[in-house]
C-alpha atoms as a PDB file:
ATOM      1  CA  MET A   1      97.856 116.820 110.017  1.00  0.00           C
ATOM      2  CA  ALA A   2      95.064 116.436 112.876  1.00  0.00           C
ATOM      3  CA  ASP A   3      94.790 118.754 116.001  1.00  0.00           C
ATOM      4  CA  VAL A   4      95.884 116.886 118.895  1.00  0.00           C
ATOM      5  CA  ASN A   5      94.384 117.629 122.250  1.00  0.00           C
ATOM      6  CA  PRO A   6      96.805 118.971 125.010  1.00  0.00           C
ATOM      7  CA  ASP A   7      97.254 116.451 128.199  1.00  0.00           C
ATOM      8  CA  LEU A   8      98.767 119.602 130.358  1.00  0.00           C
ATOM      9  CA  VAL A   9      99.858 118.086 133.531  1.00  0.00           C
ATOM     10  CA  ARG A  10     101.734 120.142 136.605  1.00  0.00           C
ATOM     11  CA  CYS A  11     105.699 119.053 136.718  1.00  0.00           C
ATOM     12  CA  ARG A  12     106.816 118.628 140.840  1.00  0.00           C
ATOM     13  CA  CYS A  13     109.493 121.299 139.162  1.00  0.00           C
ATOM     14  CA  GLY A  14     106.549 123.387 139.367  1.00  0.00           C
ATOM     15  CA  LYS A  15     105.981 123.822 135.356  1.00  0.00           C
ATOM     16  CA  ASP A  16     102.759 122.893 132.666  1.00  0.00           C
ATOM     17  CA  TRP A  17     103.714 120.309 129.968  1.00  0.00           C
ATOM     18  CA  ASP A  18     101.896 118.686 128.068  1.00  0.00           C
ATOM     19  CA  ARG A  19     102.513 115.067 127.320  1.00  0.00           C
ATOM     20  CA  THR A  20     101.053 114.434 123.671  1.00  0.00           C
ATOM     21  CA  GLN A  21     104.685 116.856 122.935  1.00  0.00           C
ATOM     22  CA  LEU A  22     106.402 115.615 126.087  1.00  0.00           C
ATOM     23  CA  ALA A  23     106.903 112.024 128.281  1.00  0.00           C
ATOM     24  CA  GLN A  24     109.456 112.808 130.796  1.00  0.00           C
ATOM     25  CA  CYS A  25     110.229 117.239 131.807  1.00  0.00           C
ATOM     26  CA  PRO A  26     112.819 119.034 130.293  1.00  0.00           C
ATOM     27  CA  VAL A  27     113.602 120.195 133.629  1.00  0.00           C
ATOM     28  CA  ASP A  28     113.749 117.862 136.163  1.00  0.00           C
ATOM     29  CA  GLY A  29     113.290 114.285 134.411  1.00  0.00           C
ATOM     30  CA  SER A  30     110.084 113.487 136.042  1.00  0.00           C
ATOM     31  CA  ASP A  31     107.820 110.914 133.581  1.00  0.00           C
ATOM     32  CA  LEU A  32     105.140 113.117 132.713  1.00  0.00           C
ATOM     33  CA  TRP A  33     103.342 110.274 132.923  1.00  0.00           C
ATOM     34  CA  GLU A  34     103.121 109.279 136.299  1.00  0.00           C
ATOM     35  CA  ILE A  35     101.537 112.757 137.431  1.00  0.00           C
ATOM     36  CA  THR A  36      97.359 112.476 137.506  1.00  0.00           C
ATOM     37  CA  THR A  37      97.257 116.281 138.512  1.00  0.00           C
ATOM     38  CA  ALA A  38      96.237 118.070 134.489  1.00  0.00           C
ATOM     39  CA  THR A  39      95.929 122.149 134.484  1.00  0.00           C
ATOM     40  CA  SER A  40      94.326 124.405 131.964  1.00  0.00           C
ATOM     41  CA  ALA A  41      97.383 126.393 132.170  1.00  0.00           C
ATOM     42  CA  ALA A  42      99.473 127.214 128.738  1.00  0.00           C
ATOM     43  CA  PRO A  43     102.565 124.628 128.981  1.00  0.00           C
ATOM     44  CA  GLU A  44     105.968 125.661 127.962  1.00  0.00           C
ATOM     45  CA  PHE A  45     109.532 124.616 126.657  1.00  0.00           C
ATOM     46  CA  VAL A  46     112.426 126.476 128.068  1.00  0.00           C
ATOM     47  CA  PRO A  47     115.332 123.774 128.217  1.00  0.00           C
ATOM     48  CA  LEU A  48     118.151 124.210 131.302  1.00  0.00           C
ATOM     49  CA  ASP A  49     120.097 126.784 130.775  1.00  0.00           C
ATOM     50  CA  GLY A  50     117.965 128.905 128.332  1.00  0.00           C
ATOM     51  CA  ALA A  51     117.595 129.507 123.887  1.00  0.00           C
ATOM     52  CA  PRO A  52     118.154 125.637 122.240  1.00  0.00           C
ATOM     53  CA  ARG A  53     121.783 127.020 121.253  1.00  0.00           C
ATOM     54  CA  THR A  54     121.944 123.254 118.489  1.00  0.00           C
ATOM     55  CA  SER A  55     120.107 122.324 115.772  1.00  0.00           C
ATOM     56  CA  LEU A  56     122.175 119.244 113.330  1.00  0.00           C
ATOM     57  CA  ASP A  57     118.588 119.823 110.342  1.00  0.00           C
ATOM     58  CA  PRO A  58     116.762 122.251 109.484  1.00  0.00           C
ATOM     59  CA  ILE A  59     113.589 121.431 110.727  1.00  0.00           C
ATOM     60  CA  GLY A  60     110.373 121.633 107.836  1.00  0.00           C
ATOM     61  CA  GLU A  61     107.400 120.851 108.466  1.00  0.00           C
ATOM     62  CA  ALA A  62     107.287 117.611 105.875  1.00  0.00           C
ATOM     63  CA  SER A  63     110.485 115.987 107.174  1.00  0.00           C
ATOM     64  CA  ALA A  64     110.793 113.201 109.091  1.00  0.00           C
ATOM     65  CA  GLY A  65     112.821 112.523 112.624  1.00  0.00           C
ATOM     66  CA  VAL A  66     112.387 113.567 115.890  1.00  0.00           C
ATOM     67  CA  GLU A  67     114.214 115.802 118.256  1.00  0.00           C
ATOM     68  CA  LEU A  68     116.140 114.961 121.273  1.00  0.00           C
ATOM     69  CA  SER A  69     116.757 117.549 124.413  1.00  0.00           C
ATOM     70  CA  THR A  70     119.377 117.454 127.070  1.00  0.00           C
ATOM     71  CA  CYS A  71     121.037 120.074 129.236  1.00  0.00           C
ATOM     72  CA  GLY A  72     119.216 122.914 126.982  1.00  0.00           C
ATOM     73  CA  ASP A  73     120.416 122.162 123.988  1.00  0.00           C
ATOM     74  CA  LEU A  74     117.564 120.269 120.759  1.00  0.00           C
ATOM     75  CA  PHE A  75     119.575 118.536 118.545  1.00  0.00           C
ATOM     76  CA  ARG A  76     117.599 116.546 115.329  1.00  0.00           C
ATOM     77  CA  VAL A  77     117.835 112.719 114.587  1.00  0.00           C
ATOM     78  CA  GLY A  78     116.233 112.623 111.209  1.00  0.00           C
ATOM     79  CA  PRO A  79     117.137 109.791 108.023  1.00  0.00           C
ATOM     80  CA  ASP A  80     120.141 108.869 107.705  1.00  0.00           C
ATOM     81  CA  THR A  81     121.161 111.587 110.088  1.00  0.00           C
ATOM     82  CA  PRO A  82     122.330 109.590 113.129  1.00  0.00           C
ATOM     83  CA  LEU A  83     123.964 111.920 115.916  1.00  0.00           C
ATOM     84  CA  ALA A  84     126.686 110.439 118.116  1.00  0.00           C
ATOM     85  CA  LEU A  85     125.752 110.747 122.192  1.00  0.00           C
ATOM     86  CA  GLY A  86     128.857 112.212 123.983  1.00  0.00           C
ATOM     87  CA  ARG A  87     132.119 114.456 125.503  1.00  0.00           C
ATOM     88  CA  ASP A  88     134.682 113.426 122.115  1.00  0.00           C
ATOM     89  CA  GLU A  89     135.519 116.510 120.741  1.00  0.00           C
ATOM     90  CA  SER A  90     134.641 115.154 116.891  1.00  0.00           C
ATOM     91  CA  TYR A  91     131.445 114.473 118.227  1.00  0.00           C
ATOM     92  CA  PRO A  92     128.095 117.136 117.687  1.00  0.00           C
ATOM     93  CA  THR A  93     126.912 116.935 121.011  1.00  0.00           C
ATOM     94  CA  ALA A  94     131.255 117.737 122.797  1.00  0.00           C
ATOM     95  CA  ASP A  95     130.471 120.592 124.281  1.00  0.00           C
ATOM     96  CA  THR A  96     126.794 120.018 125.670  1.00  0.00           C
ATOM     97  CA  PHE A  97     128.460 116.889 128.003  1.00  0.00           C
ATOM     98  CA  ARG A  98     131.847 118.514 128.544  1.00  0.00           C
ATOM     99  CA  ALA A  99     130.743 119.512 132.213  1.00  0.00           C
ATOM    100  CA  HIS A 100     128.993 115.681 132.216  1.00  0.00           C
ATOM    101  CA  THR A 101     131.999 113.395 132.920  1.00  0.00           C
ATOM    102  CA  ASN A 102     130.045 110.540 133.823  1.00  0.00           C
ATOM    103  CA  VAL A 103     129.030 110.962 130.031  1.00  0.00           C
ATOM    104  CA  SER A 104     131.981 108.621 127.634  1.00  0.00           C
ATOM    105  CA  ARG A 105     133.630 109.806 124.911  1.00  0.00           C
ATOM    106  CA  PHE A 106     131.958 107.698 123.423  1.00  0.00           C
ATOM    107  CA  HIS A 107     128.746 106.941 124.809  1.00  0.00           C
ATOM    108  CA  ALA A 108     126.333 105.863 122.113  1.00  0.00           C
ATOM    109  CA  VAL A 109     124.696 106.684 118.767  1.00  0.00           C
ATOM    110  CA  VAL A 110     120.993 107.501 118.546  1.00  0.00           C
ATOM    111  CA  VAL A 111     119.773 106.589 114.526  1.00  0.00           C
ATOM    112  CA  TYR A 112     116.321 107.293 113.266  1.00  0.00           C
ATOM    113  CA  GLU A 113     115.787 104.022 110.961  1.00  0.00           C
ATOM    114  CA  ASN A 114     111.865 103.785 108.818  1.00  0.00           C
ATOM    115  CA  GLY A 115     109.768 105.824 111.479  1.00  0.00           C
ATOM    116  CA  GLY A 116     111.383 104.262 114.592  1.00  0.00           C
ATOM    117  CA  LEU A 117     114.118 106.013 116.965  1.00  0.00           C
ATOM    118  CA  PHE A 118     117.233 103.198 118.045  1.00  0.00           C
ATOM    119  CA  ILE A 119     120.146 103.753 120.588  1.00  0.00           C
ATOM    120  CA  THR A 120     123.157 102.139 120.670  1.00  0.00           C
ATOM    121  CA  ASP A 121     125.643 102.128 124.108  1.00  0.00           C
ATOM    122  CA  THR A 122     128.887 102.353 122.100  1.00  0.00           C
ATOM    123  CA  SER A 123     130.267 100.822 125.708  1.00  0.00           C
ATOM    124  CA  SER A 124     129.829 103.589 127.904  1.00  0.00           C
ATOM    125  CA  ALA A 125     131.453 103.534 130.732  1.00  0.00           C
ATOM    126  CA  ASN A 126     128.277 104.856 133.497  1.00  0.00           C
ATOM    127  CA  GLY A 127     125.091 102.535 131.175  1.00  0.00           C
ATOM    128  CA  THR A 128     122.716 104.380 128.810  1.00  0.00           C
ATOM    129  CA  PHE A 129     118.988 103.851 130.631  1.00  0.00           C
ATOM    130  CA  ILE A 130     115.979 103.423 128.912  1.00  0.00           C
ATOM    131  CA  ASN A 131     113.094 103.889 131.821  1.00  0.00           C
ATOM    132  CA  ASP A 132     116.068 103.262 134.125  1.00  0.00           C
ATOM    133  CA  HIS A 133     117.171  99.953 132.675  1.00  0.00           C
ATOM    134  CA  ARG A 134     120.055 100.056 131.478  1.00  0.00           C
ATOM    135  CA  ILE A 135     119.990  98.550 128.140  1.00  0.00           C
ATOM    136  CA  PRO A 136     123.066  96.004 127.077  1.00  0.00           C
ATOM    137  CA  ARG A 137     126.415  97.398 125.238  1.00  0.00           C
ATOM    138  CA  ASP A 138     126.644  97.269 121.764  1.00  0.00           C
ATOM    139  CA  VAL A 139     122.590  96.413 120.482  1.00  0.00           C
ATOM    140  CA  LYS A 140     120.400  98.299 119.320  1.00  0.00           C
ATOM    141  CA  TYR A 141     117.724  99.549 121.180  1.00  0.00           C
ATOM    142  CA  GLU A 142     114.287 100.377 119.634  1.00  0.00           C
ATOM    143  CA  ILE A 143     112.736 103.924 121.587  1.00  0.00           C
ATOM    144  CA  LYS A 144     109.176 104.809 122.012  1.00  0.00           C
ATOM    145  CA  PRO A 145     107.157 106.656 122.491  1.00  0.00           C
ATOM    146  CA  GLY A 146     106.552 108.343 126.440  1.00  0.00           C
ATOM    147  CA  GLN A 147     109.969 105.973 127.249  1.00  0.00           C
ATOM    148  CA  ARG A 148     112.357 107.929 129.556  1.00  0.00           C
ATOM    149  CA  LEU A 149     116.076 108.457 128.168  1.00  0.00           C
ATOM    150  CA  ARG A 150     118.845 108.958 130.512  1.00  0.00           C
ATOM    151  CA  LEU A 151     123.268 109.097 130.140  1.00  0.00           C
ATOM    152  CA  ALA A 152     124.785 107.672 133.142  1.00  0.00           C
ATOM    153  CA  ALA A 153     123.034 108.147 136.429  1.00  0.00           C
ATOM    154  CA  ASP A 154     121.811 111.910 136.080  1.00  0.00           C
ATOM    155  CA  VAL A 155     121.903 113.025 132.556  1.00  0.00           C
ATOM    156  CA  PRO A 156     118.340 113.003 131.229  1.00  0.00           C
ATOM    157  CA  ILE A 157     117.612 113.326 127.366  1.00  0.00           C
ATOM    158  CA  VAL A 158     113.740 114.507 126.063  1.00  0.00           C
ATOM    159  CA  VAL A 159     112.701 112.793 122.856  1.00  0.00           C
ATOM    160  CA  ARG A 160     110.487 114.864 120.981  1.00  0.00           C
ATOM    161  CA  TRP A 161     108.363 112.701 118.802  1.00  0.00           C
ATOM    162  CA  ASN A 162     107.666 114.009 114.944  1.00  0.00           C
ATOM    163  CA  ALA A 163     109.501 116.872 114.639  1.00  0.00           C
END
């Protein structure tokens, strides 16, 4: 695997992030690609409320997929491992979104297929957004590197590619 030079920027939250790893600030949801001020400090990844509590799949160097970080939790989405997003008790994300009542019980489903990440809004009440544009309900939509993902009005999800 080739080394990638870090592209460090200072976010409005005051932390430094590497844009080769993140497109969106995990603290305040800012688009890191809109920041023009570079920094040379070491980047950090600090979830909103401490260390990630949830991993759906062991993460190995050879595994394909992505990681989704939201509300201080980290979820893995890999081939044949779809992730249901919502507050329903049967969902692995229920505890994560419990306090976010604007996230529907059955909000969306994320899948990783053929090297691409896709999301389907499963008729949520408050919508699923890519780059601040609401995606249509019940339509599979591809999420591309650098795009911002958000549930409802205020629940950003950071996509970490090549996890």
